[in-house]
N, C-alpha and C. Protein backbone atom coordinates (compact mmCIF):
# COMPACT_ATOMS: atom_id res chain seq x y z
N UNK A 1 0.18 -3.44 15.14
CA UNK A 1 0.33 -2.01 15.10
C UNK A 1 1.08 -1.56 16.35
N UNK A 2 1.85 -0.48 16.19
CA UNK A 2 2.60 0.10 17.29
C UNK A 2 2.44 1.61 17.24
N UNK A 3 2.67 2.25 18.36
CA UNK A 3 2.51 3.70 18.44
C UNK A 3 3.83 4.34 18.85
N UNK A 4 4.13 5.46 18.19
CA UNK A 4 5.31 6.27 18.51
C UNK A 4 4.80 7.67 18.85
N UNK A 5 5.14 8.15 20.06
CA UNK A 5 4.66 9.46 20.50
C UNK A 5 5.81 10.27 21.09
N UNK A 6 5.60 11.57 21.16
CA UNK A 6 6.58 12.44 21.79
C UNK A 6 6.17 13.88 21.64
N UNK A 7 7.00 14.76 22.20
CA UNK A 7 6.73 16.19 22.08
C UNK A 7 8.03 16.96 22.21
N UNK A 8 8.00 18.20 21.73
CA UNK A 8 9.15 19.09 21.80
C UNK A 8 8.62 20.52 21.85
N UNK A 9 9.35 21.40 22.51
CA UNK A 9 9.00 22.82 22.51
C UNK A 9 10.03 23.54 21.66
N UNK A 10 9.52 24.33 20.71
CA UNK A 10 10.36 25.07 19.78
C UNK A 10 10.11 26.55 20.00
N UNK A 11 11.15 27.31 20.17
CA UNK A 11 11.04 28.73 20.48
C UNK A 11 10.76 29.56 19.23
N UNK A 12 9.64 29.27 18.62
CA UNK A 12 9.16 30.01 17.45
C UNK A 12 7.65 30.00 17.50
N UNK A 13 6.99 30.97 16.84
CA UNK A 13 5.53 31.02 16.86
C UNK A 13 4.88 29.79 16.24
N UNK A 14 3.68 29.48 16.69
CA UNK A 14 2.95 28.29 16.23
C UNK A 14 2.81 28.26 14.71
N UNK A 15 2.42 29.38 14.09
CA UNK A 15 2.21 29.37 12.65
C UNK A 15 3.51 29.12 11.88
N UNK A 16 4.63 29.60 12.40
CA UNK A 16 5.92 29.37 11.74
C UNK A 16 6.28 27.89 11.78
N UNK A 17 6.13 27.26 12.94
CA UNK A 17 6.44 25.84 13.08
C UNK A 17 5.51 25.02 12.20
N UNK A 18 4.20 25.29 12.28
CA UNK A 18 3.22 24.55 11.49
C UNK A 18 3.56 24.64 10.00
N UNK A 19 3.75 25.87 9.50
CA UNK A 19 3.98 26.06 8.06
C UNK A 19 5.24 25.34 7.58
N UNK A 20 6.29 25.36 8.40
CA UNK A 20 7.52 24.67 8.02
C UNK A 20 7.29 23.17 7.90
N UNK A 21 6.61 22.59 8.89
CA UNK A 21 6.39 21.14 8.90
C UNK A 21 5.37 20.72 7.84
N UNK A 22 4.34 21.53 7.63
CA UNK A 22 3.28 21.16 6.69
C UNK A 22 3.80 21.02 5.26
N UNK A 23 4.78 21.82 4.89
CA UNK A 23 5.36 21.70 3.56
C UNK A 23 6.53 20.72 3.64
N UNK A 24 6.24 19.48 3.33
CA UNK A 24 7.20 18.39 3.45
C UNK A 24 8.50 18.67 2.71
N UNK A 25 8.48 19.56 1.74
CA UNK A 25 9.71 19.87 1.00
C UNK A 25 10.76 20.51 1.90
N UNK A 26 10.37 21.00 3.07
CA UNK A 26 11.34 21.59 4.01
C UNK A 26 12.12 20.55 4.79
N UNK A 27 11.62 19.33 4.89
CA UNK A 27 12.24 18.35 5.79
C UNK A 27 13.72 18.09 5.52
N UNK A 28 14.19 18.03 4.27
CA UNK A 28 15.63 17.82 4.08
C UNK A 28 16.50 18.93 4.70
N UNK A 29 15.92 20.08 4.99
CA UNK A 29 16.68 21.18 5.61
C UNK A 29 16.99 20.88 7.07
N UNK A 30 16.18 20.05 7.73
CA UNK A 30 16.41 19.78 9.15
C UNK A 30 16.55 18.29 9.47
N UNK A 31 16.35 17.44 8.50
CA UNK A 31 16.49 16.00 8.69
C UNK A 31 17.54 15.48 7.72
N UNK A 32 18.79 15.27 8.19
CA UNK A 32 19.84 14.83 7.27
C UNK A 32 19.59 13.46 6.65
N UNK A 33 18.67 12.67 7.22
CA UNK A 33 18.36 11.37 6.64
C UNK A 33 17.43 11.46 5.43
N UNK A 34 16.77 12.60 5.25
CA UNK A 34 15.87 12.75 4.11
C UNK A 34 16.64 13.45 3.00
N UNK A 35 16.88 12.72 1.93
CA UNK A 35 17.70 13.25 0.84
C UNK A 35 16.87 13.84 -0.29
N UNK A 36 15.56 13.58 -0.28
CA UNK A 36 14.70 14.11 -1.35
C UNK A 36 13.29 14.25 -0.83
N UNK A 37 12.64 15.35 -1.19
CA UNK A 37 11.22 15.52 -0.91
C UNK A 37 10.65 16.47 -1.94
N UNK A 38 9.66 16.00 -2.69
CA UNK A 38 9.06 16.83 -3.73
C UNK A 38 7.54 16.72 -3.66
N UNK A 39 6.89 17.80 -4.01
CA UNK A 39 5.43 17.85 -4.02
C UNK A 39 4.93 17.19 -5.30
N UNK A 40 4.01 16.25 -5.16
CA UNK A 40 3.49 15.51 -6.31
C UNK A 40 2.18 16.06 -6.83
N UNK A 41 1.51 16.90 -6.04
CA UNK A 41 0.21 17.43 -6.42
C UNK A 41 0.30 18.94 -6.62
N UNK A 42 -0.63 19.48 -7.37
CA UNK A 42 -0.67 20.92 -7.61
C UNK A 42 -1.41 21.63 -6.48
N UNK A 43 -1.24 22.96 -6.43
CA UNK A 43 -1.97 23.78 -5.49
C UNK A 43 -1.29 23.89 -4.14
N UNK A 44 -1.91 24.64 -3.24
CA UNK A 44 -1.33 24.82 -1.90
C UNK A 44 -1.43 23.53 -1.09
N UNK A 45 -0.61 23.44 -0.05
CA UNK A 45 -0.66 22.28 0.84
C UNK A 45 -2.00 22.27 1.56
N UNK A 46 -2.69 21.13 1.52
CA UNK A 46 -4.00 20.95 2.15
C UNK A 46 -4.29 19.46 2.20
N UNK A 47 -5.44 19.08 2.69
CA UNK A 47 -5.83 17.67 2.69
C UNK A 47 -5.75 17.14 1.26
N UNK A 48 -5.11 16.00 1.11
CA UNK A 48 -4.95 15.38 -0.20
C UNK A 48 -3.62 15.67 -0.87
N UNK A 49 -2.89 16.67 -0.39
CA UNK A 49 -1.58 16.96 -0.96
C UNK A 49 -0.67 15.75 -0.72
N UNK A 50 0.08 15.40 -1.76
CA UNK A 50 1.00 14.26 -1.66
C UNK A 50 2.42 14.70 -1.97
N UNK A 51 3.35 14.07 -1.25
CA UNK A 51 4.78 14.32 -1.45
C UNK A 51 5.47 12.99 -1.69
N UNK A 52 6.49 12.99 -2.54
CA UNK A 52 7.36 11.84 -2.71
C UNK A 52 8.67 12.16 -2.02
N UNK A 53 9.20 11.22 -1.24
CA UNK A 53 10.42 11.48 -0.48
C UNK A 53 11.30 10.24 -0.45
N UNK A 54 12.58 10.46 -0.17
CA UNK A 54 13.53 9.37 -0.02
C UNK A 54 14.34 9.60 1.24
N UNK A 55 14.37 8.58 2.09
CA UNK A 55 15.19 8.58 3.30
C UNK A 55 16.35 7.63 3.08
N UNK A 56 17.48 7.93 3.74
CA UNK A 56 18.62 7.00 3.72
C UNK A 56 19.02 6.69 5.15
N UNK A 57 19.52 5.49 5.32
CA UNK A 57 20.07 5.05 6.59
C UNK A 57 21.22 4.13 6.23
N UNK A 58 22.44 4.63 6.41
CA UNK A 58 23.58 3.86 5.94
C UNK A 58 23.53 3.76 4.43
N UNK A 59 23.54 2.53 3.94
CA UNK A 59 23.47 2.33 2.48
C UNK A 59 22.05 2.04 2.00
N UNK A 60 21.10 1.96 2.95
CA UNK A 60 19.70 1.67 2.59
C UNK A 60 18.97 2.94 2.20
N UNK A 61 18.15 2.83 1.17
CA UNK A 61 17.29 3.92 0.74
C UNK A 61 15.84 3.46 0.88
N UNK A 62 15.00 4.37 1.32
CA UNK A 62 13.58 4.05 1.44
C UNK A 62 12.78 5.16 0.77
N UNK A 63 12.09 4.80 -0.29
CA UNK A 63 11.21 5.74 -0.96
C UNK A 63 9.86 5.69 -0.27
N UNK A 64 9.18 6.82 -0.22
CA UNK A 64 7.89 6.90 0.45
C UNK A 64 7.00 7.91 -0.22
N UNK A 65 5.71 7.73 0.01
CA UNK A 65 4.71 8.72 -0.38
C UNK A 65 4.03 9.18 0.90
N UNK A 66 3.96 10.50 1.08
CA UNK A 66 3.36 11.11 2.26
C UNK A 66 2.14 11.90 1.80
N UNK A 67 0.99 11.59 2.37
CA UNK A 67 -0.26 12.28 2.01
C UNK A 67 -0.81 13.02 3.23
N UNK A 68 -1.16 14.29 3.04
CA UNK A 68 -1.77 15.07 4.11
C UNK A 68 -3.22 14.59 4.27
N UNK A 69 -3.57 14.17 5.49
CA UNK A 69 -4.92 13.64 5.76
C UNK A 69 -5.76 14.59 6.61
N UNK A 70 -5.08 15.53 7.28
CA UNK A 70 -5.80 16.54 8.07
C UNK A 70 -4.96 17.81 8.04
N UNK A 71 -5.64 18.94 7.83
CA UNK A 71 -4.94 20.21 7.73
C UNK A 71 -5.81 21.27 8.39
N UNK A 72 -5.50 21.58 9.64
CA UNK A 72 -6.22 22.59 10.41
C UNK A 72 -5.19 23.60 10.90
N UNK A 73 -4.78 24.50 10.00
CA UNK A 73 -3.72 25.47 10.29
C UNK A 73 -4.18 26.42 11.38
N UNK A 74 -3.33 26.68 12.37
CA UNK A 74 -2.01 26.13 12.67
C UNK A 74 -2.02 25.11 13.81
N UNK A 75 -3.10 24.36 13.96
CA UNK A 75 -3.24 23.49 15.13
C UNK A 75 -2.93 22.01 14.89
N UNK A 76 -3.40 21.45 13.78
CA UNK A 76 -3.31 20.00 13.59
C UNK A 76 -2.92 19.67 12.16
N UNK A 77 -2.00 18.72 12.04
CA UNK A 77 -1.58 18.24 10.73
C UNK A 77 -1.55 16.72 10.78
N UNK A 78 -2.34 16.08 9.95
CA UNK A 78 -2.36 14.62 9.89
C UNK A 78 -1.74 14.15 8.59
N UNK A 79 -1.16 12.95 8.63
CA UNK A 79 -0.56 12.41 7.41
C UNK A 79 -0.56 10.89 7.43
N UNK A 80 -0.41 10.35 6.23
CA UNK A 80 -0.23 8.91 6.05
C UNK A 80 0.99 8.73 5.16
N UNK A 81 1.94 7.91 5.65
CA UNK A 81 3.16 7.64 4.91
C UNK A 81 3.15 6.17 4.52
N UNK A 82 3.44 5.91 3.25
CA UNK A 82 3.47 4.55 2.73
C UNK A 82 4.88 4.24 2.24
N UNK A 83 5.45 3.14 2.76
CA UNK A 83 6.75 2.64 2.31
C UNK A 83 6.60 1.15 2.05
N UNK A 84 7.64 0.54 1.53
CA UNK A 84 7.58 -0.91 1.30
C UNK A 84 7.63 -1.68 2.62
N UNK A 85 8.21 -1.07 3.69
CA UNK A 85 8.39 -1.76 4.96
C UNK A 85 7.26 -1.51 5.96
N UNK A 86 6.55 -0.37 5.82
CA UNK A 86 5.53 -0.03 6.81
C UNK A 86 4.61 1.06 6.29
N UNK A 87 3.44 1.12 6.89
CA UNK A 87 2.53 2.25 6.72
C UNK A 87 2.51 2.99 8.05
N UNK A 88 2.55 4.30 7.98
CA UNK A 88 2.58 5.13 9.18
C UNK A 88 1.50 6.19 9.04
N UNK A 89 0.63 6.26 10.03
CA UNK A 89 -0.45 7.24 10.00
C UNK A 89 -0.49 7.94 11.35
N UNK A 90 -0.69 9.25 11.32
CA UNK A 90 -0.73 9.94 12.60
C UNK A 90 -0.96 11.42 12.49
N UNK A 91 -0.70 12.08 13.61
CA UNK A 91 -1.05 13.48 13.75
C UNK A 91 0.05 14.25 14.49
N UNK A 92 0.26 15.46 14.04
CA UNK A 92 1.08 16.43 14.75
C UNK A 92 0.15 17.51 15.27
N UNK A 93 0.34 17.93 16.52
CA UNK A 93 -0.45 19.05 17.05
C UNK A 93 0.51 20.15 17.47
N UNK A 94 0.04 21.37 17.36
CA UNK A 94 0.84 22.56 17.62
C UNK A 94 0.06 23.45 18.57
N UNK A 95 0.65 23.76 19.73
CA UNK A 95 -0.01 24.59 20.73
C UNK A 95 0.96 25.65 21.22
N UNK A 96 0.43 26.86 21.50
CA UNK A 96 1.30 27.87 22.10
C UNK A 96 1.84 27.35 23.43
N UNK A 97 3.11 27.63 23.68
CA UNK A 97 3.77 27.25 24.94
C UNK A 97 4.62 28.43 25.37
N UNK A 98 5.00 28.42 26.60
CA UNK A 98 5.85 29.49 27.11
C UNK A 98 7.08 29.62 26.21
N UNK A 99 7.19 30.73 25.53
CA UNK A 99 8.35 30.98 24.67
C UNK A 99 8.29 30.35 23.31
N UNK A 100 7.16 29.80 22.89
CA UNK A 100 7.13 29.22 21.56
C UNK A 100 5.97 28.29 21.31
N UNK A 101 6.28 27.12 20.77
CA UNK A 101 5.29 26.15 20.32
C UNK A 101 5.59 24.78 20.91
N UNK A 102 4.57 24.14 21.47
CA UNK A 102 4.68 22.74 21.88
C UNK A 102 4.11 21.91 20.73
N UNK A 103 4.99 21.10 20.14
CA UNK A 103 4.57 20.22 19.05
C UNK A 103 4.58 18.79 19.57
N UNK A 104 3.46 18.11 19.38
CA UNK A 104 3.34 16.70 19.80
C UNK A 104 3.11 15.85 18.56
N UNK A 105 3.67 14.64 18.60
CA UNK A 105 3.45 13.69 17.51
C UNK A 105 2.91 12.39 18.07
N UNK A 106 2.08 11.76 17.26
CA UNK A 106 1.54 10.44 17.58
C UNK A 106 1.38 9.69 16.26
N UNK A 107 2.16 8.64 16.10
CA UNK A 107 2.17 7.86 14.86
C UNK A 107 1.76 6.42 15.15
N UNK A 108 0.86 5.90 14.33
CA UNK A 108 0.53 4.48 14.35
C UNK A 108 1.34 3.82 13.24
N UNK A 109 2.16 2.87 13.63
CA UNK A 109 3.08 2.20 12.72
C UNK A 109 2.56 0.80 12.44
N UNK A 110 2.42 0.47 11.17
CA UNK A 110 1.98 -0.86 10.76
C UNK A 110 3.07 -1.50 9.89
N UNK A 111 3.99 -2.23 10.52
CA UNK A 111 5.05 -2.90 9.74
C UNK A 111 4.45 -3.91 8.77
N UNK A 112 5.16 -4.12 7.66
CA UNK A 112 4.73 -5.06 6.62
C UNK A 112 5.72 -6.22 6.53
N UNK A 113 5.20 -7.37 6.11
CA UNK A 113 6.05 -8.53 5.85
C UNK A 113 6.88 -8.95 7.04
N UNK A 114 8.12 -9.33 6.77
CA UNK A 114 9.01 -9.84 7.81
C UNK A 114 9.34 -8.77 8.86
N UNK A 115 9.21 -7.50 8.52
CA UNK A 115 9.49 -6.42 9.47
C UNK A 115 8.55 -6.50 10.67
N UNK A 116 7.36 -7.10 10.49
CA UNK A 116 6.43 -7.26 11.62
C UNK A 116 7.07 -7.99 12.79
N UNK A 117 7.97 -8.93 12.49
CA UNK A 117 8.64 -9.68 13.55
C UNK A 117 9.56 -8.80 14.38
N UNK A 118 9.97 -7.69 13.83
CA UNK A 118 10.90 -6.78 14.50
C UNK A 118 10.19 -5.56 15.09
N UNK A 119 8.88 -5.62 15.24
CA UNK A 119 8.12 -4.45 15.68
C UNK A 119 8.68 -3.78 16.93
N UNK A 120 9.00 -4.50 18.01
CA UNK A 120 9.54 -3.81 19.20
C UNK A 120 10.83 -3.03 18.89
N UNK A 121 11.71 -3.61 18.11
CA UNK A 121 12.94 -2.93 17.72
C UNK A 121 12.65 -1.72 16.84
N UNK A 122 11.74 -1.88 15.90
CA UNK A 122 11.37 -0.79 14.99
C UNK A 122 10.78 0.38 15.79
N UNK A 123 9.99 0.10 16.81
CA UNK A 123 9.41 1.16 17.64
C UNK A 123 10.52 1.91 18.38
N UNK A 124 11.46 1.19 18.98
CA UNK A 124 12.57 1.87 19.69
C UNK A 124 13.37 2.73 18.73
N UNK A 125 13.67 2.19 17.57
CA UNK A 125 14.40 2.96 16.57
C UNK A 125 13.58 4.17 16.12
N UNK A 126 12.29 3.97 15.95
CA UNK A 126 11.40 5.06 15.53
C UNK A 126 11.34 6.18 16.55
N UNK A 127 11.30 5.82 17.83
CA UNK A 127 11.28 6.84 18.89
C UNK A 127 12.55 7.69 18.81
N UNK A 128 13.70 7.04 18.69
CA UNK A 128 14.97 7.79 18.59
C UNK A 128 15.01 8.64 17.32
N UNK A 129 14.54 8.08 16.22
CA UNK A 129 14.55 8.81 14.95
C UNK A 129 13.66 10.04 15.03
N UNK A 130 12.48 9.92 15.61
CA UNK A 130 11.58 11.07 15.74
C UNK A 130 12.21 12.17 16.60
N UNK A 131 12.84 11.79 17.70
CA UNK A 131 13.51 12.80 18.54
C UNK A 131 14.61 13.51 17.77
N UNK A 132 15.36 12.77 16.96
CA UNK A 132 16.42 13.40 16.14
C UNK A 132 15.83 14.33 15.10
N UNK A 133 14.79 13.88 14.41
CA UNK A 133 14.19 14.71 13.36
C UNK A 133 13.66 16.01 13.95
N UNK A 134 12.87 15.90 15.01
CA UNK A 134 12.24 17.11 15.56
C UNK A 134 13.25 17.96 16.31
N UNK A 135 14.32 17.36 16.85
CA UNK A 135 15.43 18.15 17.40
C UNK A 135 16.12 18.94 16.29
N UNK A 136 16.22 18.33 15.11
CA UNK A 136 16.78 19.04 13.95
C UNK A 136 15.88 20.19 13.53
N UNK A 137 14.56 19.99 13.59
CA UNK A 137 13.62 21.08 13.28
C UNK A 137 13.80 22.22 14.27
N UNK A 138 13.91 21.87 15.55
CA UNK A 138 14.10 22.89 16.59
C UNK A 138 15.35 23.72 16.31
N UNK A 139 16.46 23.04 16.03
CA UNK A 139 17.70 23.76 15.74
C UNK A 139 17.55 24.61 14.48
N UNK A 140 16.95 24.04 13.45
CA UNK A 140 16.77 24.77 12.19
C UNK A 140 15.96 26.05 12.40
N UNK A 141 14.84 25.94 13.10
CA UNK A 141 13.97 27.12 13.28
C UNK A 141 14.51 28.10 14.31
N UNK A 142 15.15 27.62 15.35
CA UNK A 142 15.62 28.52 16.41
C UNK A 142 16.95 29.18 16.06
N UNK A 143 17.80 28.48 15.32
CA UNK A 143 19.13 29.01 15.02
C UNK A 143 19.22 29.51 13.59
N UNK A 144 18.95 28.64 12.63
CA UNK A 144 19.11 28.98 11.23
C UNK A 144 18.08 30.00 10.76
N UNK A 145 16.84 29.83 11.16
CA UNK A 145 15.76 30.68 10.68
C UNK A 145 15.34 31.75 11.67
N UNK A 146 16.11 31.93 12.72
CA UNK A 146 15.76 32.93 13.73
C UNK A 146 15.73 34.32 13.09
N UNK A 147 14.63 35.07 13.31
CA UNK A 147 14.57 36.40 12.70
C UNK A 147 15.63 37.32 13.29
N UNK A 148 16.16 38.17 12.44
CA UNK A 148 17.17 39.14 12.90
C UNK A 148 16.50 40.39 13.40
N UNK A 149 17.10 41.00 14.42
CA UNK A 149 16.54 42.28 14.91
C UNK A 149 16.59 43.32 13.80
N UNK A 150 15.63 44.27 13.81
CA UNK A 150 15.64 45.32 12.79
C UNK A 150 16.96 46.07 12.79
N UNK A 151 17.41 46.44 11.60
CA UNK A 151 18.62 47.22 11.46
C UNK A 151 19.89 46.41 11.32
N UNK A 152 19.79 45.07 11.36
CA UNK A 152 20.99 44.25 11.20
C UNK A 152 21.05 43.63 9.84
């Protein structure tokens, strides 16, 4: 097992950041590597909600199932992601910060099969990938979704 951690500050309110991230269907809007994300279960997003998603990297495609394992709006969101190459389980936390929201991630990565031999490389790649994904979220929420002043 390996751990991937990090944090970012996003200049938007905690509930806005939480709600965007909690609905996995939003991820293709800020993560260009995610080409598909659909909700597989009925009802509002909560513990037990499952999403089916597809990531691409070059010519490789990776299908995954993401299940919400903890839902404490707007503070904590836990999930478990299952792919053919690895299982990933972890938590996102959301806290008020000067000018917005401090979002932290902590993922436990369990590579499967031959990928286990590449764990140190997979962790380095995962760290970079997480920074890119959450940097994309920051740009999406701060620039694309920034509220307009009244009257414009």
